[in-house]
C-alpha cells in the first residue's frame, strides 16, 4: 500500500512538472460598474410600433431633437432617479401593467430580457403621450428607455403599449422594481405613473444584464517536455508498469 501511494505521488508530481492542466468552467465574476446599455423594441396593436412620420424634414428634425432632449433629462449614465413627488391627474391613469420574462441564457433564474406592457387610459377621446421606463432598487431608479410618442384612446383596452427590453450592461443579478411614467407629448407634463407599490407585477423582478449571463470556458493548455530520448509518456508507462509488477508480487507473496 505504501508503494502504491508513493507511485501515485510520483505520477501527480510528474504531471505538475510537465505543466498539464485540466479544463474547468466558471461564471464570470466581473462585477465592476459598467455603463447602462439597453436594447429596446416597441409594439402597439400587436405590431412593431413605427412613430408617425413628420410631414416635413424640418418637423422630422424637430421631432428627433425633442426625443434627444427628453432622453437627456433622464440620462441613464451614473444617475439615479427617485420618484419623490408626483402631481396626481385624474384625467390620465395607467389601468394595468404586465411583465413577461424573455431571456435567461445561463438558466440561473435571472433574466436579461423582459417585456413590460401597460395600458394607459384617459378621460379624453384620445391623447398623444410618451412613456419613460425605469428599473430600480430601494426606491432609486435608473431610466432605461424614453419611448416614441404614441396615441391612447379613452379607456380602450386594445391600445396598450409594449416595451421589449434586453439589458446589455449595467445591471448585476438582483431583484429590481419597474417604474412606468406617462408624459404629455406636447407639454412634457407628467400625467400618470405606475410602480411596484400600486402594481405587484412591477415588483421584485429577477434581472441581470447580458454581460452577467454567459459562462466562460477557460482555455486548456497542455505542455509536453522531452528529456533525452525518453518522453513524458514513456516515463508514465514505466511507472505504471512498475506499479503493476509490485502489485502482482504482493498478491503472489500473500
C-alpha atoms as a PDB file:
ATOM      1  CA  UNK A   1       0.000   0.000   0.000  1.00  0.00           C
ATOM      2  CA  UNK A   2       2.880   2.367   0.786  1.00  0.00           C
ATOM      3  CA  UNK A   3       4.457   1.589  -2.578  1.00  0.00           C
ATOM      4  CA  UNK A   4       1.128   2.277  -4.297  1.00  0.00           C
ATOM      5  CA  UNK A   5       0.748   5.642  -2.553  1.00  0.00           C
ATOM      6  CA  UNK A   6       4.330   6.573  -3.343  1.00  0.00           C
ATOM      7  CA  UNK A   7       3.836   5.757  -7.025  1.00  0.00           C
ATOM      8  CA  UNK A   8       0.654   7.874  -7.259  1.00  0.00           C
ATOM      9  CA  UNK A   9       2.509  10.786  -5.684  1.00  0.00           C
ATOM     10  CA  UNK A  10       5.268  10.436  -8.259  1.00  0.00           C
ATOM     11  CA  UNK A  11       2.734  10.483 -11.111  1.00  0.00           C
ATOM     12  CA  UNK A  12       0.992  13.562  -9.713  1.00  0.00           C
ATOM     13  CA  UNK A  13       4.317  15.356  -9.283  1.00  0.00           C
ATOM     14  CA  UNK A  14       5.299  14.471 -12.828  1.00  0.00           C
ATOM     15  CA  UNK A  15       2.049  15.882 -14.217  1.00  0.00           C
ATOM     16  CA  UNK A  16       2.602  19.141 -12.338  1.00  0.00           C
ATOM     17  CA  UNK A  17       6.187  19.460 -13.541  1.00  0.00           C
ATOM     18  CA  UNK A  18       5.137  18.815 -17.139  1.00  0.00           C
ATOM     19  CA  UNK A  19       2.542  21.599 -16.951  1.00  0.00           C
ATOM     20  CA  UNK A  20      -0.558  19.503 -17.660  1.00  0.00           C
ATOM     21  CA  UNK A  21      -3.827  21.199 -16.710  1.00  0.00           C
ATOM     22  CA  UNK A  22      -7.469  20.170 -16.574  1.00  0.00           C
ATOM     23  CA  UNK A  23     -10.404  22.054 -18.155  1.00  0.00           C
ATOM     24  CA  UNK A  24     -12.994  23.725 -15.927  1.00  0.00           C
ATOM     25  CA  UNK A  25     -15.861  26.175 -16.287  1.00  0.00           C
ATOM     26  CA  UNK A  26     -16.832  29.103 -14.127  1.00  0.00           C
ATOM     27  CA  UNK A  27     -19.235  32.033 -14.268  1.00  0.00           C
ATOM     28  CA  UNK A  28     -17.798  35.445 -14.922  1.00  0.00           C
ATOM     29  CA  UNK A  29     -17.068  37.236 -11.656  1.00  0.00           C
ATOM     30  CA  UNK A  30     -16.647  40.668 -13.193  1.00  0.00           C
ATOM     31  CA  UNK A  31     -18.972  42.781 -11.061  1.00  0.00           C
ATOM     32  CA  UNK A  32     -17.301  46.087 -11.835  1.00  0.00           C
ATOM     33  CA  UNK A  33     -19.546  49.039 -12.509  1.00  0.00           C
ATOM     34  CA  UNK A  34     -20.419  49.455 -16.158  1.00  0.00           C
ATOM     35  CA  UNK A  35     -22.431  51.894 -18.225  1.00  0.00           C
ATOM     36  CA  UNK A  36     -26.102  51.071 -18.567  1.00  0.00           C
ATOM     37  CA  UNK A  37     -26.903  49.863 -22.078  1.00  0.00           C
ATOM     38  CA  UNK A  38     -30.289  48.532 -23.153  1.00  0.00           C
ATOM     39  CA  UNK A  39     -31.649  47.306 -26.480  1.00  0.00           C
ATOM     40  CA  UNK A  40     -35.352  48.090 -26.898  1.00  0.00           C
ATOM     41  CA  UNK A  41     -38.198  47.309 -29.310  1.00  0.00           C
ATOM     42  CA  UNK A  42     -41.675  48.894 -29.171  1.00  0.00           C
ATOM     43  CA  UNK A  43     -45.067  47.456 -30.096  1.00  0.00           C
ATOM     44  CA  UNK A  44     -48.683  48.601 -30.177  1.00  0.00           C
ATOM     45  CA  UNK A  45     -51.769  46.840 -31.502  1.00  0.00           C
ATOM     46  CA  UNK A  46     -49.703  43.612 -31.685  1.00  0.00           C
ATOM     47  CA  UNK A  47     -47.339  45.022 -34.318  1.00  0.00           C
ATOM     48  CA  UNK A  48     -43.925  46.740 -34.184  1.00  0.00           C
ATOM     49  CA  UNK A  49     -44.536  50.397 -33.446  1.00  0.00           C
ATOM     50  CA  UNK A  50     -43.478  52.998 -36.013  1.00  0.00           C
ATOM     51  CA  UNK A  51     -43.829  56.606 -34.883  1.00  0.00           C
ATOM     52  CA  UNK A  52     -45.939  58.802 -37.130  1.00  0.00           C
ATOM     53  CA  UNK A  53     -43.695  60.353 -39.754  1.00  0.00           C
ATOM     54  CA  UNK A  54     -43.246  64.107 -39.739  1.00  0.00           C
ATOM     55  CA  UNK A  55     -44.784  65.973 -42.660  1.00  0.00           C
ATOM     56  CA  UNK A  56     -41.592  67.928 -43.470  1.00  0.00           C
ATOM     57  CA  UNK A  57     -37.866  67.439 -42.938  1.00  0.00           C
ATOM     58  CA  UNK A  58     -37.895  70.390 -40.539  1.00  0.00           C
ATOM     59  CA  UNK A  59     -40.585  68.732 -38.450  1.00  0.00           C
ATOM     60  CA  UNK A  60     -38.636  65.463 -38.510  1.00  0.00           C
ATOM     61  CA  UNK A  61     -35.528  67.241 -37.259  1.00  0.00           C
ATOM     62  CA  UNK A  62     -37.540  68.951 -34.529  1.00  0.00           C
ATOM     63  CA  UNK A  63     -39.097  65.635 -33.525  1.00  0.00           C
ATOM     64  CA  UNK A  64     -35.694  63.956 -33.298  1.00  0.00           C
ATOM     65  CA  UNK A  65     -34.237  66.812 -31.276  1.00  0.00           C
ATOM     66  CA  UNK A  66     -37.180  66.703 -28.875  1.00  0.00           C
ATOM     67  CA  UNK A  67     -36.586  63.000 -28.227  1.00  0.00           C
ATOM     68  CA  UNK A  68     -32.882  63.618 -27.573  1.00  0.00           C
ATOM     69  CA  UNK A  69     -33.724  66.329 -25.055  1.00  0.00           C
ATOM     70  CA  UNK A  70     -36.188  64.069 -23.262  1.00  0.00           C
ATOM     71  CA  UNK A  71     -33.611  61.302 -23.073  1.00  0.00           C
ATOM     72  CA  UNK A  72     -31.001  63.719 -21.738  1.00  0.00           C
ATOM     73  CA  UNK A  73     -33.344  64.789 -18.949  1.00  0.00           C
ATOM     74  CA  UNK A  74     -33.476  61.226 -17.655  1.00  0.00           C
ATOM     75  CA  UNK A  75     -29.921  60.293 -18.622  1.00  0.00           C
ATOM     76  CA  UNK A  76     -29.101  56.706 -17.639  1.00  0.00           C
ATOM     77  CA  UNK A  77     -25.377  57.272 -17.192  1.00  0.00           C
ATOM     78  CA  UNK A  78     -24.490  57.120 -13.498  1.00  0.00           C
ATOM     79  CA  UNK A  79     -27.654  58.897 -12.401  1.00  0.00           C
ATOM     80  CA  UNK A  80     -30.401  57.640 -10.169  1.00  0.00           C
ATOM     81  CA  UNK A  81     -33.972  58.821 -10.197  1.00  0.00           C
ATOM     82  CA  UNK A  82     -36.204  58.937  -7.143  1.00  0.00           C
ATOM     83  CA  UNK A  83     -39.993  59.254  -7.645  1.00  0.00           C
ATOM     84  CA  UNK A  84     -40.318  61.504  -4.619  1.00  0.00           C
ATOM     85  CA  UNK A  85     -43.209  63.675  -5.751  1.00  0.00           C
ATOM     86  CA  UNK A  86     -45.958  63.366  -8.317  1.00  0.00           C
ATOM     87  CA  UNK A  87     -48.835  65.505  -9.445  1.00  0.00           C
ATOM     88  CA  UNK A  88     -51.999  63.457  -9.418  1.00  0.00           C
ATOM     89  CA  UNK A  89     -54.043  63.924 -12.598  1.00  0.00           C
ATOM     90  CA  UNK A  90     -57.495  62.382 -12.618  1.00  0.00           C
ATOM     91  CA  UNK A  91     -57.721  62.733 -16.394  1.00  0.00           C
ATOM     92  CA  UNK A  92     -54.965  60.140 -17.047  1.00  0.00           C
ATOM     93  CA  UNK A  93     -54.049  56.876 -15.390  1.00  0.00           C
ATOM     94  CA  UNK A  94     -52.365  53.512 -16.037  1.00  0.00           C
ATOM     95  CA  UNK A  95     -55.087  50.904 -15.814  1.00  0.00           C
ATOM     96  CA  UNK A  96     -52.791  47.870 -15.617  1.00  0.00           C
ATOM     97  CA  UNK A  97     -49.295  46.609 -16.382  1.00  0.00           C
ATOM     98  CA  UNK A  98     -47.863  43.200 -17.238  1.00  0.00           C
ATOM     99  CA  UNK A  99     -44.323  41.819 -17.229  1.00  0.00           C
ATOM    100  CA  UNK A 100     -43.028  38.729 -19.035  1.00  0.00           C
ATOM    101  CA  UNK A 101     -39.505  37.303 -18.957  1.00  0.00           C
ATOM    102  CA  UNK A 102     -37.819  36.524 -22.244  1.00  0.00           C
ATOM    103  CA  UNK A 103     -34.144  35.608 -21.878  1.00  0.00           C
ATOM    104  CA  UNK A 104     -32.085  33.633 -19.338  1.00  0.00           C
ATOM    105  CA  UNK A 105     -29.069  32.168 -21.137  1.00  0.00           C
ATOM    106  CA  UNK A 106     -27.322  30.577 -18.139  1.00  0.00           C
ATOM    107  CA  UNK A 107     -30.541  29.313 -16.501  1.00  0.00           C
ATOM    108  CA  UNK A 108     -29.745  30.883 -13.124  1.00  0.00           C
ATOM    109  CA  UNK A 109     -33.207  32.402 -12.680  1.00  0.00           C
ATOM    110  CA  UNK A 110     -32.093  35.941 -13.563  1.00  0.00           C
ATOM    111  CA  UNK A 111     -33.301  37.269 -16.902  1.00  0.00           C
ATOM    112  CA  UNK A 112     -31.567  39.753 -19.195  1.00  0.00           C
ATOM    113  CA  UNK A 113     -34.617  40.093 -21.435  1.00  0.00           C
ATOM    114  CA  UNK A 114     -38.085  41.152 -20.302  1.00  0.00           C
ATOM    115  CA  UNK A 115     -41.205  42.837 -21.663  1.00  0.00           C
ATOM    116  CA  UNK A 116     -43.356  45.478 -19.996  1.00  0.00           C
ATOM    117  CA  UNK A 117     -46.853  46.057 -21.368  1.00  0.00           C
ATOM    118  CA  UNK A 118     -49.036  48.809 -19.927  1.00  0.00           C
ATOM    119  CA  UNK A 119     -52.500  50.118 -20.691  1.00  0.00           C
ATOM    120  CA  UNK A 120     -52.698  53.889 -20.218  1.00  0.00           C
ATOM    121  CA  UNK A 121     -56.180  55.423 -20.242  1.00  0.00           C
ATOM    122  CA  UNK A 122     -57.570  58.937 -20.387  1.00  0.00           C
ATOM    123  CA  UNK A 123     -60.781  60.821 -19.772  1.00  0.00           C
ATOM    124  CA  UNK A 124     -60.431  62.333 -23.260  1.00  0.00           C
ATOM    125  CA  UNK A 125     -61.277  60.560 -26.501  1.00  0.00           C
ATOM    126  CA  UNK A 126     -57.586  60.465 -27.420  1.00  0.00           C
ATOM    127  CA  UNK A 127     -54.256  61.910 -26.369  1.00  0.00           C
ATOM    128  CA  UNK A 128     -50.669  61.831 -27.602  1.00  0.00           C
ATOM    129  CA  UNK A 129     -48.190  60.755 -24.956  1.00  0.00           C
ATOM    130  CA  UNK A 130     -44.813  59.128 -24.409  1.00  0.00           C
ATOM    131  CA  UNK A 131     -43.511  56.834 -21.686  1.00  0.00           C
ATOM    132  CA  UNK A 132     -40.350  56.570 -19.621  1.00  0.00           C
ATOM    133  CA  UNK A 133     -39.364  53.142 -18.291  1.00  0.00           C
ATOM    134  CA  UNK A 134     -37.192  52.756 -15.190  1.00  0.00           C
ATOM    135  CA  UNK A 135     -35.515  49.944 -13.259  1.00  0.00           C
ATOM    136  CA  UNK A 136     -34.552  50.389  -9.640  1.00  0.00           C
ATOM    137  CA  UNK A 137     -33.980  49.130  -6.131  1.00  0.00           C
ATOM    138  CA  UNK A 138     -34.802  50.638  -2.736  1.00  0.00           C
ATOM    139  CA  UNK A 139     -36.809  53.477  -4.268  1.00  0.00           C
ATOM    140  CA  UNK A 140     -33.996  54.677  -6.546  1.00  0.00           C
ATOM    141  CA  UNK A 141     -34.449  54.188 -10.267  1.00  0.00           C
ATOM    142  CA  UNK A 142     -32.415  54.388 -13.461  1.00  0.00           C
ATOM    143  CA  UNK A 143     -34.198  55.325 -16.670  1.00  0.00           C
ATOM    144  CA  UNK A 144     -33.599  52.682 -19.325  1.00  0.00           C
ATOM    145  CA  UNK A 145     -35.830  53.962 -22.129  1.00  0.00           C
ATOM    146  CA  UNK A 146     -37.736  57.030 -23.326  1.00  0.00           C
ATOM    147  CA  UNK A 147     -40.390  55.815 -25.742  1.00  0.00           C
ATOM    148  CA  UNK A 148     -41.597  57.191 -29.027  1.00  0.00           C
ATOM    149  CA  UNK A 149     -44.728  59.326 -28.983  1.00  0.00           C
ATOM    150  CA  UNK A 150     -47.912  57.286 -29.292  1.00  0.00           C
ATOM    151  CA  UNK A 151     -51.666  57.747 -29.034  1.00  0.00           C
ATOM    152  CA  UNK A 152     -54.001  56.412 -26.390  1.00  0.00           C
ATOM    153  CA  UNK A 153     -57.759  56.273 -26.925  1.00  0.00           C
ATOM    154  CA  UNK A 154     -60.059  56.821 -23.955  1.00  0.00           C
ATOM    155  CA  UNK A 155     -60.369  53.593 -21.983  1.00  0.00           C
ATOM    156  CA  UNK A 156     -59.695  51.347 -24.967  1.00  0.00           C
ATOM    157  CA  UNK A 157     -58.032  48.145 -23.758  1.00  0.00           C
ATOM    158  CA  UNK A 158     -56.506  47.377 -27.156  1.00  0.00           C
ATOM    159  CA  UNK A 159     -54.175  50.407 -27.265  1.00  0.00           C
ATOM    160  CA  UNK A 160     -51.710  49.091 -24.658  1.00  0.00           C
ATOM    161  CA  UNK A 161     -48.066  49.891 -25.363  1.00  0.00           C
ATOM    162  CA  UNK A 162     -45.294  47.293 -25.199  1.00  0.00           C
ATOM    163  CA  UNK A 163     -41.615  47.868 -24.463  1.00  0.00           C
ATOM    164  CA  UNK A 164     -39.430  44.815 -25.036  1.00  0.00           C
ATOM    165  CA  UNK A 165     -36.011  45.283 -23.402  1.00  0.00           C
ATOM    166  CA  UNK A 166     -32.706  43.425 -23.405  1.00  0.00           C
ATOM    167  CA  UNK A 167     -30.329  44.592 -20.675  1.00  0.00           C
ATOM    168  CA  UNK A 168     -26.855  44.665 -22.235  1.00  0.00           C
ATOM    169  CA  UNK A 169     -24.815  46.033 -19.322  1.00  0.00           C
ATOM    170  CA  UNK A 170     -25.053  47.893 -16.031  1.00  0.00           C
ATOM    171  CA  UNK A 171     -27.308  45.558 -14.028  1.00  0.00           C
ATOM    172  CA  UNK A 172     -25.764  42.916 -11.739  1.00  0.00           C
ATOM    173  CA  UNK A 173     -28.014  39.976 -10.739  1.00  0.00           C
ATOM    174  CA  UNK A 174     -30.644  41.270  -8.302  1.00  0.00           C
ATOM    175  CA  UNK A 175     -34.335  41.868  -7.688  1.00  0.00           C
ATOM    176  CA  UNK A 176     -35.471  45.024  -9.480  1.00  0.00           C
ATOM    177  CA  UNK A 177     -38.652  47.103  -9.491  1.00  0.00           C
ATOM    178  CA  UNK A 178     -40.163  48.747 -12.564  1.00  0.00           C
ATOM    179  CA  UNK A 179     -41.481  52.290 -12.748  1.00  0.00           C
ATOM    180  CA  UNK A 180     -43.540  53.490 -15.739  1.00  0.00           C
ATOM    181  CA  UNK A 181     -44.302  57.179 -16.295  1.00  0.00           C
ATOM    182  CA  UNK A 182     -46.619  58.704 -18.902  1.00  0.00           C
ATOM    183  CA  UNK A 183     -45.964  62.248 -20.175  1.00  0.00           C
ATOM    184  CA  UNK A 184     -47.905  64.646 -22.370  1.00  0.00           C
ATOM    185  CA  UNK A 185     -46.216  64.696 -25.795  1.00  0.00           C
ATOM    186  CA  UNK A 186     -46.902  68.406 -26.261  1.00  0.00           C
ATOM    187  CA  UNK A 187     -46.111  69.908 -22.863  1.00  0.00           C
ATOM    188  CA  UNK A 188     -43.882  67.176 -21.323  1.00  0.00           C
ATOM    189  CA  UNK A 189     -46.129  67.274 -18.254  1.00  0.00           C
ATOM    190  CA  UNK A 190     -46.182  64.155 -16.105  1.00  0.00           C
ATOM    191  CA  UNK A 191     -49.661  62.644 -16.453  1.00  0.00           C
ATOM    192  CA  UNK A 192     -49.611  59.266 -14.713  1.00  0.00           C
ATOM    193  CA  UNK A 193     -47.282  56.642 -13.301  1.00  0.00           C
ATOM    194  CA  UNK A 194     -47.299  53.085 -12.008  1.00  0.00           C
ATOM    195  CA  UNK A 195     -44.717  51.356  -9.820  1.00  0.00           C
ATOM    196  CA  UNK A 196     -44.198  48.365  -7.534  1.00  0.00           C
ATOM    197  CA  UNK A 197     -46.265  49.918  -4.746  1.00  0.00           C
ATOM    198  CA  UNK A 198     -49.516  50.007  -6.701  1.00  0.00           C
ATOM    199  CA  UNK A 199     -48.898  47.065  -9.066  1.00  0.00           C
ATOM    200  CA  UNK A 200     -47.318  43.844  -7.801  1.00  0.00           C
ATOM    201  CA  UNK A 201     -46.441  42.807 -11.364  1.00  0.00           C
ATOM    202  CA  UNK A 202     -43.759  45.508 -11.350  1.00  0.00           C
ATOM    203  CA  UNK A 203     -42.075  44.340  -8.127  1.00  0.00           C
ATOM    204  CA  UNK A 204     -39.095  42.076  -7.402  1.00  0.00           C
ATOM    205  CA  UNK A 205     -38.143  41.112 -10.944  1.00  0.00           C
ATOM    206  CA  UNK A 206     -35.130  38.781 -11.085  1.00  0.00           C
ATOM    207  CA  UNK A 207     -32.948  40.504 -13.671  1.00  0.00           C
ATOM    208  CA  UNK A 208     -29.337  40.800 -14.773  1.00  0.00           C
ATOM    209  CA  UNK A 209     -27.657  42.387 -17.768  1.00  0.00           C
ATOM    210  CA  UNK A 210     -26.367  40.338 -20.655  1.00  0.00           C
ATOM    211  CA  UNK A 211     -22.720  40.659 -19.607  1.00  0.00           C
ATOM    212  CA  UNK A 212     -23.565  38.634 -16.477  1.00  0.00           C
ATOM    213  CA  UNK A 213     -25.348  35.874 -18.402  1.00  0.00           C
ATOM    214  CA  UNK A 214     -22.555  33.977 -20.083  1.00  0.00           C
ATOM    215  CA  UNK A 215     -20.442  31.124 -18.709  1.00  0.00           C
ATOM    216  CA  UNK A 216     -16.884  31.224 -19.962  1.00  0.00           C
ATOM    217  CA  UNK A 217     -14.684  28.171 -20.548  1.00  0.00           C
ATOM    218  CA  UNK A 218     -11.028  28.536 -19.587  1.00  0.00           C
ATOM    219  CA  UNK A 219      -8.575  27.665 -22.343  1.00  0.00           C
ATOM    220  CA  UNK A 220      -6.794  24.363 -21.765  1.00  0.00           C
ATOM    221  CA  UNK A 221      -3.049  24.369 -22.394  1.00  0.00           C
ATOM    222  CA  UNK A 222      -1.073  21.108 -22.231  1.00  0.00           C
ATOM    223  CA  UNK A 223       2.717  21.349 -22.366  1.00  0.00           C
ATOM    224  CA  UNK A 224       4.860  18.327 -23.149  1.00  0.00           C
ATOM    225  CA  UNK A 225       8.557  18.319 -22.311  1.00  0.00           C
ATOM    226  CA  UNK A 226      11.010  15.687 -23.521  1.00  0.00           C
ATOM    227  CA  UNK A 227      14.214  14.763 -21.723  1.00  0.00           C
ATOM    228  CA  UNK A 228      16.776  12.970 -23.838  1.00  0.00           C
ATOM    229  CA  UNK A 229      15.246  10.118 -25.835  1.00  0.00           C
ATOM    230  CA  UNK A 230      12.546   9.365 -23.253  1.00  0.00           C
ATOM    231  CA  UNK A 231       9.346  11.426 -23.320  1.00  0.00           C
ATOM    232  CA  UNK A 232       6.902  12.040 -20.524  1.00  0.00           C
ATOM    233  CA  UNK A 233       4.507   9.346 -21.739  1.00  0.00           C
ATOM    234  CA  UNK A 234       7.328   6.774 -21.735  1.00  0.00           C
ATOM    235  CA  UNK A 235       8.107   7.697 -18.133  1.00  0.00           C
ATOM    236  CA  UNK A 236       4.445   7.342 -17.190  1.00  0.00           C
ATOM    237  CA  UNK A 237       4.302   3.948 -18.887  1.00  0.00           C
ATOM    238  CA  UNK A 238       7.340   2.774 -16.928  1.00  0.00           C
ATOM    239  CA  UNK A 239       5.852   3.989 -13.659  1.00  0.00           C
ATOM    240  CA  UNK A 240       2.558   2.219 -14.341  1.00  0.00           C
ATOM    241  CA  UNK A 241       4.398  -0.976 -15.297  1.00  0.00           C
ATOM    242  CA  UNK A 242       6.379  -0.776 -12.049  1.00  0.00           C
ATOM    243  CA  UNK A 243       3.153  -0.291 -10.103  1.00  0.00           C
ATOM    244  CA  UNK A 244       1.606  -3.328 -11.819  1.00  0.00           C
ATOM    245  CA  UNK A 245       4.620  -5.584 -11.073  1.00  0.00           C
ATOM    246  CA  UNK A 246       4.758  -4.534  -7.423  1.00  0.00           C
ATOM    247  CA  UNK A 247       1.043  -5.161  -7.043  1.00  0.00           C
ATOM    248  CA  UNK A 248       1.362  -8.620  -8.677  1.00  0.00           C
ATOM    249  CA  UNK A 249       4.345  -9.534  -6.473  1.00  0.00           C
ATOM    250  CA  UNK A 250       2.403  -8.505  -3.369  1.00  0.00           C
ATOM    251  CA  UNK A 251      -0.520 -10.795  -4.329  1.00  0.00           C
ATOM    252  CA  UNK A 252       1.877 -13.689  -5.017  1.00  0.00           C
ATOM    253  CA  UNK A 253       3.512 -13.408  -1.576  1.00  0.00           C
ATOM    254  CA  UNK A 254       0.120 -13.432   0.098  1.00  0.00           C
END
